[in-house]
Structures are given as C-alpha cells and as structure tokens.
Amino acid sequence: MSPKSFAGAHTALVTPFLADGSVDWAGFEKNMNFQIAQGISGLLPTGTTGESPALVWEEHNQVIDGAIKTTADRCLLIAGTGSNSTNEAVQGSKHAARSGADALLLVDCYYNGPSTLELRREYHGVVAAACPDCTVIPYVIPGRSGTALSPEDLAILAAEHPNVTAVKEATGDTKRMAVTRSLVGDEFDILSGDDGVTLDIMLDDRIRAQGVISVMSNIVPGPVSQMVKAALEGNSDRATQIHSALEPLFGIVTVVSDDQRTMPDGSIRSVKDKFRNPLAIKALMNGLGMPAGPTRRPLGRMTPAALDVVRNTLRNVWDSSPWVLEPVADAYDVNIAQRIEDEGCWQGLTYADV
C-alpha cells in the first residue's frame, strides 16, 4: 500500500441521537457536509466522541458505512474500530477496511490493561496484519484506557507493519512525544488527541506534530483547519492568533464543577463532578441548534453549574471572536446571539436535581 499523509485537521465526530435514542442519520449527514464544506482534512466516526462504547457493533458498522458514503472521497475517513477485545477489533476493522475507510483508529485496550508488549503483539500488530491495505493508527490515551503503547513498541510496530504510519497522542506528555519522534522519523504522522495542546506540539521542534484529531472542530472545523494549516506552513503568528480565539473552547472539552449532594440525613456534602467528552460538545451543539441530541447511558447530563461554564464560554467567544462561530449560523440557519441567551435552547441539558 502507498502510505497516506494524515497531516491536517480531522474531526472526531459526535454521533447524533434522536429523543428515542436511535441514531439521527439525517443530522449525521448534515453535520458531515458542514465539516467538508469548511475544509476539514478528515472525519473520524465511532471514536470516543462518537460514543462508540455505547454503540452495538451493528450500529458501529452502520455509522462507519454511512460516513464513508457521505464523504465519498471528499476527505479522509478514519474509522474508530478499537476495542478491549482483539477479536472484536479485527472483525470491526476488516468491515471498515472493506467498506473503504482510509484508516483505522485503535484505542489502547481499556480496562483489561495489557502491557505495552502485549498491546504491540496481541492487539495493534494483529489488527495491522489482518488489514494490511488500510492504515492503522494507534490511539494512546492512558487517562481513559489505563494502559499505553510505549514509543519503543510503537517504533517496532511501525517497522514490522508498513501500514502503521501515524499515532494519535492524548497523553499530554511532551517528553514522550519527543521520544516518539526520535524513534519513528519524520515520515510518521504524530496527531494531537488534545485540542488544547495541538499548536504547542506542532510548533515544538522536538515533536513536529502534523495535525489533530479534534473534538471542538465539531462546531469550529474551519478555524481549527486554518490553525493547523498555518502551523504546517510555518506561519506561527497566524496559527497563534487563531489558537487564541479558540482556546476558551478548547478548555471545555472536559468540564469540572463543584456541586452539592443532599445526603439521606439531610446534610449537605460538596462533590467535584468531572463531565468528560462528549457531554460538553453535545451541550454546545444542542444549544447552537446543531444535530447532537442526548448522550447514551452511562453518560447522562451535566449539573447546572457545569452547563453555566459551557454557556458562559460560548458567550465570551461570541463576544470576542464571532467569526469562529459564524459558519455555524450560516450552515444551520440559526441566530447564535439569540440562542445563547434563550433559556429554552438549553432546557433538558441538566439534571433537575443532583
């Protein structure tokens, strides 16, 4: 196979659901067309942002097939096919490869926590061998998976399997990323898995990341693409300017709020709630009038305090840099300023009591 370059900005797509919990296929297609029109380099369905753990594999395959059909070679398509079962990952990966995916994103095996050696020999390497004509992208995110493929085993994996040509890095560890670059060489793509650090690791001479698989580009694909393009072209001033406008949004991919619980005896206790992706991005999309819908259990809703963080951030970005959100207004025919202030647009996104 001829290795593809995955330099650029790729969106980790949300999976929009209807009120009854089924996939909103019309909304999914509309969101993808918006992404492509805004110049995104690639789309990633069925990642963590797409709530892949809550999709049954039939839905998983249907979402990937629908994304491939909609993109129709207008951008790259990276299918999230990782699992904590190698057999399951192989079957899902084979399906995606047959359907025409450009790459397979394999998250390190969550919960059962194999060693880095086992990840290479019993998981990533097995899938890469089973799908030799499709690029395989390991996804290292120990904060969610509890394990991590080491830079050393990644380098061995890439040497053993020519279709392993990129990695999604969500460790936040720049020293690790620098080691990775030193071991894999310049032709290997390091993609950021954290919106907030993308520009830093692209401009870091030790890392030289080539792009991002982004969460926040669900709503701002154009600006994220422009930031990455400017960085790739060496225009750090322009990239930094765009990053400054987007930084508040990058800061709410995960939202932490200080909340209270009323105990059975009537006493009040303080609790820190951490609402992880995709809760915030779905709240933003619902508030803005973009297809998103509810999350699937065990994810649920935010507390009012957490939603206030999301909404206030959106308000501040609209006030300071409206240009980053104006494409949403045009594509979805919404009045953003009005929706930010309209309480009705944000109803149902929080628990009535905690």
Foldseek 3Di string as FASTA:
>chain_A
DDADDPFFEEEADAFFADPVGHTPLVLLLLLLVLLLVLPGQEYEYLDVLNVVVPDDVVVLLVSLLSSCVSCVPSHAYEYEQAELDQVSSLVSLVSNVVSPHQEYEYEQRADVADALVCCLPVHQLVNCVSRLPHAYEYEADCVGRVYGNALVSLLVSCVVRVSDQEYEDAPPDLVRLLSNCVRNDDRGAYAYAQVQCRLVQCQPPSRNHRYYHDHLCSQQSNLRRVLSVCSVVVNSVVNVVSCVLCVLVSVVQKFKDWDWDQDPVRDIDIDIDIHHHPLLVLLVCLLQVRRHHADDPPDGAAAPRRVCSSLVSLVVSCVPPVVSRVSSCVSRVGDRVVSSPDVVSRPPRHDPHD
